[in-house]
Amino acid sequence: MFAERAKRATNDGDAGREVGAAPLAGVALVVAAIGALLTFGVVGIGREGTLNFDGRVMYAAGRAWLAGLNPYDHDHLARAVAGLPNMDLTLAEFLYPPQAGALCVVIGALPHAAGRVVWLLFNLAAIAAIARGSIVLLERGSNGDRDRLGPWVLAAVVIGNPFTAHVVWMGQTSLLAFASTMWAWIFARSRRHVLAGLCLGLAVFKPQLSFLVVLWLLVDRDWRTLAIAAASALVLAAVPMFTQGPAGAFVAWIHGVRSGYDLPFNLPTAPHKVGLESLLAAGGVALPGVVSLALGFGAVIALWVVRAKIAWQDTLALIMAVTFTFSRHLHDYDYVGLAPAFASLWWWGRRRRALSSVLLALPLLLFVPHRLLRGFHLPVLEQWRTMVIFAAGAAIFALGRADSAGKTGPEVAPSPRPA
């Protein structure tokens, strides 16, 4: 009896050490990720240019609106920051819709140095929000299955991946836009319509990241969230509409977009453009933009039809996989929006041990530096990330369908209907 008790105590102690080791390793991963973000995303080791060089366009737009100018006119945009140091906007265009006005005006009302710091803080807060949202998706799908290491791993991946550092260094908008999109989705699925609508109203300032989430909510008839989102977007566009007129601001944006997306870095053949259109263009095949968008719309509607067979935590991952496959106006730094897919791959990797090495290798393939493959001079090979995303989405969908066969319950329940 005493021997059995001693053995049980020893086993319990070993289990305790195993459970306790996971958070320690997780903390180490997150600390390393924060170090990588600060080193490469804030200090800029090994990078060219200066911190927030793309964010200058947002700052200039804010200054333009505050001065009563039209930021969609390049001459007006440049005039708004004339005389300020490090403000060469020769190759820059402002292409964001008027609901970006609130963000632009906030930083544009400050001295440039202060505005740059505020924009950096916005991005850091967005990283924290995406990390927390990824953990929420993991926990909602766990059905009580404790995963002590998973939340730490996801937080480390969100914080330390190269796309995050790239967005922070550039001063780009992807982190803030996707954090808003992600929480709009989480709140909408929890039927917290006001919070969902407020988040979505902000998210649509970068519509190419959020438009398929909007489509899902339309098909799902979540009118409360959509109505609040529309109202909040109009409030965010108040300064542009006051400056350029209620319709004039949106007309100016549409005119600016038509010309701005002809810039070299926005063409399908640009090396950092992503998606099926760019993959086919690399192989010499032209895909009409309307066809690409139609395929994306069709894929999301098909997912909605089979939503009862998709696990709660996988739905947003699949929507974002479709977004990055079929959207026409995304770049590789926008891959910060793949955080839900990373959560799903981790979750399925834990449940399907035989496939775990393959599933967990997919994010690593995305993180391979672009310059390593550029030397092969094979344009199709340079678009490998689109193929990886397609494989990841297909794997998540197939595993979810196989797991839900003959299964019911909250894990695979359809989207809740608005009351």
Protein backbone atom coordinates (compact mmCIF):
# COMPACT_ATOMS: atom_id res chain seq x y z
CA MET A 1 0.00 0.00 0.00
CA PHE A 2 2.79 2.38 0.95
CA ALA A 3 4.58 1.49 -2.27
CA GLU A 4 1.47 2.28 -4.30
CA ARG A 5 1.06 5.62 -2.53
CA ALA A 6 4.71 6.48 -3.14
CA LYS A 7 4.37 5.58 -6.82
CA ARG A 8 1.20 7.64 -7.14
CA ALA A 9 2.86 10.61 -5.46
CA THR A 10 5.83 10.31 -7.80
CA ASN A 11 3.57 10.18 -10.85
CA ASP A 12 1.58 13.17 -9.59
CA GLY A 13 4.82 15.08 -9.09
CA ASP A 14 5.99 14.25 -12.60
CA ALA A 15 2.64 15.38 -13.99
CA GLY A 16 2.86 18.59 -12.00
CA ARG A 17 6.33 19.28 -13.34
CA GLU A 18 5.11 18.58 -16.91
CA VAL A 19 2.13 20.92 -16.51
CA GLY A 20 4.27 23.59 -14.89
CA ALA A 21 6.89 23.41 -17.62
CA ALA A 22 4.50 24.51 -20.33
CA PRO A 23 3.93 28.09 -19.04
CA LEU A 24 7.68 28.51 -18.41
CA ALA A 25 8.46 27.54 -22.01
CA GLY A 26 5.57 29.69 -23.17
CA VAL A 27 6.80 32.74 -21.28
CA ALA A 28 10.23 32.24 -22.84
CA LEU A 29 8.66 32.12 -26.31
CA VAL A 30 6.68 35.32 -25.75
CA VAL A 31 9.71 37.16 -24.34
CA ALA A 32 11.73 36.09 -27.38
CA ALA A 33 8.90 37.22 -29.68
CA ILE A 34 8.74 40.63 -28.02
CA GLY A 35 12.51 40.92 -28.41
CA ALA A 36 12.23 40.09 -32.11
CA LEU A 37 9.44 42.65 -32.58
CA LEU A 38 11.40 45.41 -30.89
CA THR A 39 14.60 44.51 -32.72
CA PHE A 40 13.22 44.22 -36.23
CA GLY A 41 9.95 46.14 -36.04
CA VAL A 42 10.80 49.15 -33.86
CA VAL A 43 14.59 49.57 -33.82
CA GLY A 44 14.75 48.30 -37.41
CA ILE A 45 17.88 46.19 -37.35
CA GLY A 46 18.70 45.13 -40.93
CA ARG A 47 15.97 47.33 -42.42
CA GLU A 48 16.06 50.27 -44.80
CA GLY A 49 14.36 53.60 -44.37
CA THR A 50 12.88 54.93 -41.15
CA LEU A 51 10.21 53.76 -38.75
CA ASN A 52 6.67 54.49 -39.94
CA PHE A 53 7.62 55.51 -43.48
CA ASP A 54 4.27 54.29 -44.87
CA GLY A 55 2.41 55.87 -41.98
CA ARG A 56 3.43 59.25 -43.35
CA VAL A 57 0.59 58.97 -45.83
CA MET A 58 -1.98 58.61 -43.03
CA TYR A 59 -0.44 61.59 -41.27
CA ALA A 60 -0.47 63.68 -44.43
CA ALA A 61 -4.11 62.77 -45.09
CA GLY A 62 -5.08 63.89 -41.61
CA ARG A 63 -3.27 67.19 -42.11
CA ALA A 64 -4.98 67.62 -45.48
CA TRP A 65 -8.48 67.10 -44.10
CA LEU A 66 -7.79 69.45 -41.19
CA ALA A 67 -6.66 72.07 -43.70
CA GLY A 68 -9.76 71.62 -45.86
CA LEU A 69 -7.82 69.86 -48.63
CA ASN A 70 -8.53 66.69 -50.62
CA PRO A 71 -6.02 63.93 -49.65
CA TYR A 72 -7.03 61.86 -52.69
CA ASP A 73 -5.43 64.57 -54.85
CA HIS A 74 -1.67 63.99 -54.72
CA ASP A 75 -0.86 67.69 -54.96
CA HIS A 76 -3.10 68.42 -51.98
CA LEU A 77 -1.62 65.50 -50.04
CA ALA A 78 1.93 66.72 -50.57
CA ARG A 79 0.98 70.33 -49.84
CA ALA A 80 -0.42 69.33 -46.44
CA VAL A 81 3.05 68.27 -45.22
CA ALA A 82 5.19 70.63 -47.30
CA GLY A 83 8.19 71.83 -45.31
CA LEU A 84 8.20 68.90 -42.86
CA PRO A 85 11.39 66.79 -42.82
CA ASN A 86 11.35 63.20 -44.15
CA MET A 87 8.06 63.73 -45.93
CA ASP A 88 8.82 62.73 -49.52
CA LEU A 89 5.47 61.53 -50.89
CA THR A 90 6.58 61.29 -54.53
CA LEU A 91 5.49 57.67 -54.95
CA ALA A 92 2.72 57.74 -52.33
CA GLU A 93 -1.03 57.91 -52.77
CA PHE A 94 -3.75 57.97 -50.14
CA LEU A 95 -6.24 55.22 -51.03
CA TYR A 96 -8.17 54.57 -47.82
CA PRO A 97 -11.92 55.28 -47.67
CA PRO A 98 -13.22 58.30 -45.73
CA GLN A 99 -13.90 56.25 -42.57
CA ALA A 100 -10.12 56.21 -42.12
CA GLY A 101 -10.50 59.93 -41.46
CA ALA A 102 -10.85 59.61 -37.70
CA LEU A 103 -7.51 57.80 -37.41
CA CYS A 104 -5.78 60.19 -39.78
CA VAL A 105 -7.08 63.30 -38.07
CA VAL A 106 -6.01 62.05 -34.62
CA ILE A 107 -2.38 61.72 -35.68
CA GLY A 108 -2.50 64.62 -38.14
CA ALA A 109 -3.46 67.03 -35.37
CA LEU A 110 -0.17 66.27 -33.58
CA PRO A 111 3.40 67.22 -34.41
CA HIS A 112 4.87 64.62 -36.72
CA ALA A 113 7.12 63.04 -34.08
CA ALA A 114 4.21 62.68 -31.66
CA GLY A 115 1.89 61.40 -34.38
CA ARG A 116 4.42 58.72 -35.27
CA VAL A 117 4.57 57.57 -31.64
CA VAL A 118 0.77 57.45 -31.38
CA TRP A 119 0.56 55.38 -34.57
CA LEU A 120 3.17 52.98 -33.17
CA LEU A 121 1.08 52.64 -30.00
CA PHE A 122 -2.01 51.92 -32.12
CA ASN A 123 -0.12 49.09 -33.83
CA LEU A 124 1.20 47.65 -30.56
CA ALA A 125 -2.30 47.68 -29.08
CA ALA A 126 -3.58 45.93 -32.22
CA ILE A 127 -0.95 43.20 -31.81
CA ALA A 128 -2.13 42.59 -28.25
CA ALA A 129 -5.75 42.46 -29.45
CA ILE A 130 -4.94 39.92 -32.19
CA ALA A 131 -2.97 37.76 -29.75
CA ARG A 132 -5.86 37.78 -27.29
CA GLY A 133 -8.37 37.09 -30.08
CA SER A 134 -6.34 34.08 -31.23
CA ILE A 135 -6.38 32.69 -27.69
CA VAL A 136 -10.15 33.23 -27.50
CA LEU A 137 -10.63 31.23 -30.71
CA LEU A 138 -8.44 28.44 -29.34
CA GLU A 139 -10.26 28.34 -26.01
CA ARG A 140 -13.74 28.45 -27.57
CA GLY A 141 -12.93 25.40 -29.65
CA SER A 142 -11.27 23.41 -26.89
CA ASN A 143 -14.48 22.09 -25.22
CA GLY A 144 -12.69 22.16 -21.88
CA ASP A 145 -9.53 20.49 -23.18
CA ARG A 146 -6.78 22.29 -21.30
CA ASP A 147 -3.92 23.47 -23.44
CA ARG A 148 -1.42 25.26 -21.26
CA LEU A 149 1.18 25.83 -23.96
CA GLY A 150 -1.08 26.70 -26.90
CA PRO A 151 -2.07 30.25 -25.84
CA TRP A 152 1.57 31.15 -25.26
CA VAL A 153 2.63 29.73 -28.62
CA LEU A 154 -0.10 31.63 -30.44
CA ALA A 155 0.76 34.87 -28.65
CA ALA A 156 4.43 34.39 -29.54
CA VAL A 157 3.60 33.71 -33.20
CA VAL A 158 1.35 36.77 -33.45
CA ILE A 159 3.92 39.04 -31.78
CA GLY A 160 7.11 37.67 -33.27
CA ASN A 161 6.29 36.69 -36.85
CA PRO A 162 8.02 38.69 -39.61
CA PHE A 163 4.79 40.10 -41.04
CA THR A 164 3.98 41.78 -37.72
CA ALA A 165 7.43 43.33 -37.51
CA HIS A 166 7.13 44.48 -41.13
CA VAL A 167 3.80 46.23 -40.54
CA VAL A 168 5.10 47.97 -37.41
CA TRP A 169 8.27 49.17 -39.15
CA MET A 170 6.38 50.40 -42.21
CA GLY A 171 3.65 52.02 -40.14
CA GLN A 172 1.10 50.13 -42.21
CA THR A 173 -2.58 49.66 -41.30
CA SER A 174 -3.01 45.88 -41.49
CA LEU A 175 -2.68 45.18 -37.76
CA LEU A 176 -5.29 47.72 -36.72
CA ALA A 177 -7.66 46.74 -39.53
CA PHE A 178 -7.43 43.04 -38.78
CA ALA A 179 -7.65 43.43 -35.00
CA SER A 180 -10.94 45.27 -35.57
CA THR A 181 -12.12 42.61 -38.02
CA MET A 182 -11.23 39.77 -35.66
CA TRP A 183 -13.05 41.24 -32.68
CA ALA A 184 -16.03 42.20 -34.81
CA TRP A 185 -16.26 38.51 -35.68
CA ILE A 186 -15.82 37.29 -32.09
CA PHE A 187 -18.39 39.74 -30.74
CA ALA A 188 -20.85 38.98 -33.55
CA ARG A 189 -20.61 35.24 -32.89
CA SER A 190 -21.28 35.97 -29.22
CA ARG A 191 -24.30 38.11 -30.19
CA ARG A 192 -22.76 41.24 -28.70
CA HIS A 193 -24.01 43.30 -31.60
CA VAL A 194 -23.05 46.78 -30.41
CA LEU A 195 -19.41 45.89 -29.82
CA ALA A 196 -19.33 43.86 -33.04
CA GLY A 197 -20.74 46.76 -35.04
CA LEU A 198 -18.34 49.30 -33.56
CA CYS A 199 -15.37 47.07 -34.37
CA LEU A 200 -16.63 46.37 -37.88
CA GLY A 201 -17.25 50.05 -38.51
CA LEU A 202 -13.56 50.65 -37.87
CA ALA A 203 -12.42 47.51 -39.71
CA VAL A 204 -13.89 48.59 -43.04
CA PHE A 205 -11.35 51.39 -43.36
CA LYS A 206 -9.31 48.61 -45.02
CA PRO A 207 -12.15 46.83 -46.86
CA GLN A 208 -9.96 44.28 -48.66
CA LEU A 209 -9.30 42.60 -45.29
CA SER A 210 -12.85 42.71 -43.95
CA PHE A 211 -15.17 42.49 -46.97
CA LEU A 212 -15.76 38.72 -46.77
CA VAL A 213 -16.58 38.95 -43.07
CA VAL A 214 -19.14 41.59 -44.03
CA LEU A 215 -20.49 39.23 -46.70
CA TRP A 216 -20.85 36.42 -44.14
CA LEU A 217 -22.80 38.70 -41.78
CA LEU A 218 -25.02 39.76 -44.69
CA VAL A 219 -25.80 36.16 -45.64
CA ASP A 220 -26.28 35.35 -41.97
CA ARG A 221 -28.74 38.28 -41.70
CA ASP A 222 -26.98 39.86 -38.74
CA TRP A 223 -28.69 43.18 -39.38
CA ARG A 224 -27.96 44.65 -35.94
CA THR A 225 -24.22 44.31 -36.31
CA LEU A 226 -24.29 45.61 -39.86
CA ALA A 227 -26.49 48.60 -39.03
CA ILE A 228 -24.28 49.63 -36.13
CA ALA A 229 -21.20 49.12 -38.31
CA ALA A 230 -22.63 51.39 -41.02
CA ALA A 231 -23.50 54.08 -38.49
CA SER A 232 -20.10 53.94 -36.81
CA ALA A 233 -18.30 54.07 -40.18
CA LEU A 234 -20.20 57.26 -41.02
CA VAL A 235 -19.23 58.78 -37.67
CA LEU A 236 -15.58 57.93 -38.34
CA ALA A 237 -15.91 59.66 -41.72
CA ALA A 238 -17.38 62.84 -40.19
CA VAL A 239 -14.39 65.11 -40.82
CA PRO A 240 -13.91 64.05 -44.47
CA MET A 241 -17.64 64.44 -45.12
CA PHE A 242 -17.63 67.88 -43.49
CA THR A 243 -14.57 68.94 -45.50
CA GLN A 244 -15.52 67.49 -48.88
CA GLY A 245 -19.27 67.08 -48.57
CA PRO A 246 -21.22 63.93 -47.55
CA ALA A 247 -21.02 62.44 -51.03
CA GLY A 248 -17.92 64.30 -52.20
CA ALA A 249 -15.57 62.47 -49.84
CA PHE A 250 -16.66 59.06 -51.14
CA VAL A 251 -16.62 60.20 -54.77
CA ALA A 252 -13.07 61.49 -54.30
CA TRP A 253 -12.05 58.17 -52.75
CA ILE A 254 -13.49 56.12 -55.63
CA HIS A 255 -11.69 58.35 -58.12
CA GLY A 256 -8.43 58.00 -56.18
CA VAL A 257 -8.70 54.22 -55.95
CA ARG A 258 -9.20 53.88 -59.70
CA SER A 259 -5.88 55.56 -60.41
CA GLY A 260 -3.95 54.49 -57.31
CA TYR A 261 -4.17 50.77 -57.88
CA ASP A 262 -2.31 51.22 -61.15
CA LEU A 263 0.85 52.02 -59.19
CA PRO A 264 3.65 49.47 -59.77
CA PHE A 265 3.50 47.93 -56.28
CA ASN A 266 -0.26 47.32 -56.64
CA LEU A 267 -0.11 45.44 -59.94
CA PRO A 268 -0.60 41.64 -59.98
CA THR A 269 3.01 41.22 -61.15
CA ALA A 270 4.46 43.07 -58.15
CA PRO A 271 6.59 40.64 -56.11
CA HIS A 272 4.87 41.37 -52.81
CA LYS A 273 1.29 41.25 -54.11
CA VAL A 274 -0.44 38.03 -53.05
CA GLY A 275 -3.42 35.93 -54.05
CA LEU A 276 -4.58 33.81 -56.96
CA GLU A 277 -4.47 36.72 -59.39
CA SER A 278 -0.76 37.28 -58.68
CA LEU A 279 0.00 33.54 -58.70
CA LEU A 280 -1.53 33.16 -62.16
CA ALA A 281 0.09 36.37 -63.39
CA ALA A 282 3.46 34.92 -62.37
CA GLY A 283 2.69 32.02 -64.70
CA GLY A 284 1.67 34.32 -67.53
CA VAL A 285 -2.10 33.86 -67.07
CA ALA A 286 -4.33 36.92 -66.65
CA LEU A 287 -7.27 36.52 -64.26
CA PRO A 288 -9.93 39.25 -64.53
CA GLY A 289 -10.38 40.91 -61.18
CA VAL A 290 -14.13 40.43 -61.24
CA VAL A 291 -13.64 36.67 -61.61
CA SER A 292 -11.31 36.54 -58.61
CA LEU A 293 -13.78 38.46 -56.46
CA ALA A 294 -16.67 36.29 -57.64
CA LEU A 295 -14.74 33.16 -56.65
CA GLY A 296 -14.11 34.61 -53.21
CA PHE A 297 -17.77 35.49 -52.76
CA GLY A 298 -18.82 32.03 -53.93
CA ALA A 299 -16.39 30.29 -51.58
CA VAL A 300 -17.67 32.19 -48.53
CA ILE A 301 -21.30 31.53 -49.43
CA ALA A 302 -20.45 27.84 -49.82
CA LEU A 303 -18.84 27.87 -46.36
CA TRP A 304 -21.96 29.49 -44.94
CA VAL A 305 -24.14 26.75 -46.45
CA VAL A 306 -22.12 24.06 -44.66
CA ARG A 307 -21.51 26.16 -41.53
CA ALA A 308 -23.03 23.49 -39.28
CA LYS A 309 -20.09 21.25 -40.17
CA ILE A 310 -17.43 23.86 -39.41
CA ALA A 311 -16.02 24.14 -35.90
CA TRP A 312 -16.49 27.48 -34.13
CA GLN A 313 -12.80 28.33 -34.09
CA ASP A 314 -12.26 27.40 -37.75
CA THR A 315 -14.79 29.63 -39.47
CA LEU A 316 -12.83 32.87 -39.33
CA ALA A 317 -9.66 30.98 -40.29
CA LEU A 318 -11.37 29.72 -43.45
CA ILE A 319 -12.82 33.14 -44.30
CA MET A 320 -9.37 34.69 -44.04
CA ALA A 321 -7.82 31.88 -46.12
CA VAL A 322 -10.39 32.67 -48.83
CA THR A 323 -9.68 36.40 -48.42
CA PHE A 324 -5.95 35.97 -49.00
CA THR A 325 -6.55 33.65 -51.93
CA PHE A 326 -9.05 35.75 -53.87
CA SER A 327 -8.67 39.37 -52.78
CA ARG A 328 -7.04 41.56 -55.43
CA HIS A 329 -5.45 44.22 -53.23
CA LEU A 330 -3.44 42.53 -50.49
CA HIS A 331 0.31 42.30 -49.93
CA ASP A 332 2.43 39.85 -47.99
CA TYR A 333 2.59 42.09 -44.90
CA ASP A 334 -1.21 41.76 -44.68
CA TYR A 335 -0.67 38.13 -43.62
CA VAL A 336 -1.03 39.33 -40.04
CA GLY A 337 -4.66 38.47 -40.79
CA LEU A 338 -3.82 34.75 -40.79
CA ALA A 339 -3.71 34.56 -36.99
CA PRO A 340 -7.01 32.58 -36.84
CA ALA A 341 -5.53 30.02 -39.23
CA PHE A 342 -2.51 29.63 -36.96
CA ALA A 343 -4.90 28.97 -34.05
CA SER A 344 -6.77 26.33 -36.05
CA LEU A 345 -3.60 24.62 -37.24
CA TRP A 346 -2.32 24.40 -33.67
CA TRP A 347 -5.66 23.07 -32.43
CA TRP A 348 -5.88 20.40 -35.12
CA GLY A 349 -2.21 19.55 -34.71
CA ARG A 350 -2.85 18.68 -31.07
CA ARG A 351 -5.88 16.56 -31.94
CA ARG A 352 -4.31 14.77 -34.92
CA ARG A 353 -0.85 13.83 -33.71
CA ALA A 354 -0.05 11.96 -36.92
CA LEU A 355 -0.54 15.18 -38.91
CA SER A 356 0.86 17.62 -36.36
CA SER A 357 4.28 18.02 -37.98
CA VAL A 358 2.68 18.82 -41.35
CA LEU A 359 0.07 21.19 -39.94
CA LEU A 360 2.53 23.09 -37.78
CA ALA A 361 5.05 23.32 -40.64
CA LEU A 362 2.64 25.34 -42.80
CA PRO A 363 3.09 28.61 -40.86
CA LEU A 364 6.85 28.11 -40.96
CA LEU A 365 6.69 27.90 -44.75
CA LEU A 366 4.90 31.25 -44.78
CA PHE A 367 7.68 32.79 -42.71
CA VAL A 368 10.46 31.85 -45.14
CA PRO A 369 12.06 35.17 -46.25
CA HIS A 370 11.01 36.18 -49.72
CA ARG A 371 14.55 37.05 -50.75
CA LEU A 372 15.69 33.43 -50.34
CA LEU A 373 13.50 32.31 -53.25
CA ARG A 374 13.92 35.41 -55.37
CA GLY A 375 17.35 34.20 -56.47
CA PHE A 376 15.82 31.29 -58.37
CA HIS A 377 14.24 33.78 -60.82
CA LEU A 378 11.02 31.74 -60.98
CA PRO A 379 8.07 34.13 -60.57
CA VAL A 380 5.64 31.29 -59.76
CA LEU A 381 7.91 30.06 -56.97
CA GLU A 382 7.90 33.56 -55.49
CA GLN A 383 4.13 33.18 -55.00
CA TRP A 384 4.51 30.03 -52.87
CA ARG A 385 2.64 31.58 -49.96
CA THR A 386 -0.66 31.58 -51.83
CA MET A 387 -0.27 27.84 -52.38
CA VAL A 388 0.57 27.31 -48.70
CA ILE A 389 -2.51 29.26 -47.62
CA PHE A 390 -4.70 27.23 -49.95
CA ALA A 391 -3.24 24.01 -48.48
CA ALA A 392 -3.77 25.27 -44.93
CA GLY A 393 -7.39 26.23 -45.63
CA ALA A 394 -8.09 22.92 -47.34
CA ALA A 395 -6.57 20.99 -44.41
CA ILE A 396 -8.57 22.93 -41.80
CA PHE A 397 -11.79 22.45 -43.77
CA ALA A 398 -11.21 18.72 -44.39
CA LEU A 399 -10.30 18.00 -40.77
CA GLY A 400 -13.34 19.88 -39.54
CA ARG A 401 -15.66 18.03 -41.89
CA ALA A 402 -14.20 14.66 -40.90
CA ASP A 403 -14.42 15.48 -37.21
CA SER A 404 -18.01 16.71 -37.41
CA ALA A 405 -19.35 13.67 -39.28
CA GLY A 406 -22.33 12.49 -37.27
CA LYS A 407 -21.58 15.00 -34.53
CA THR A 408 -23.74 17.75 -33.07
CA GLY A 409 -23.25 20.20 -30.29
CA PRO A 410 -21.95 23.71 -29.68
CA GLU A 411 -18.61 22.99 -31.31
CA VAL A 412 -20.19 22.59 -34.74
CA ALA A 413 -23.43 24.52 -34.30
CA PRO A 414 -24.55 26.98 -37.00
CA SER A 415 -24.06 30.68 -36.48
CA PRO A 416 -26.59 31.95 -33.93
CA ARG A 417 -29.45 33.91 -35.48
CA PRO A 418 -29.91 37.49 -34.34
CA ALA A 419 -32.79 37.75 -31.94
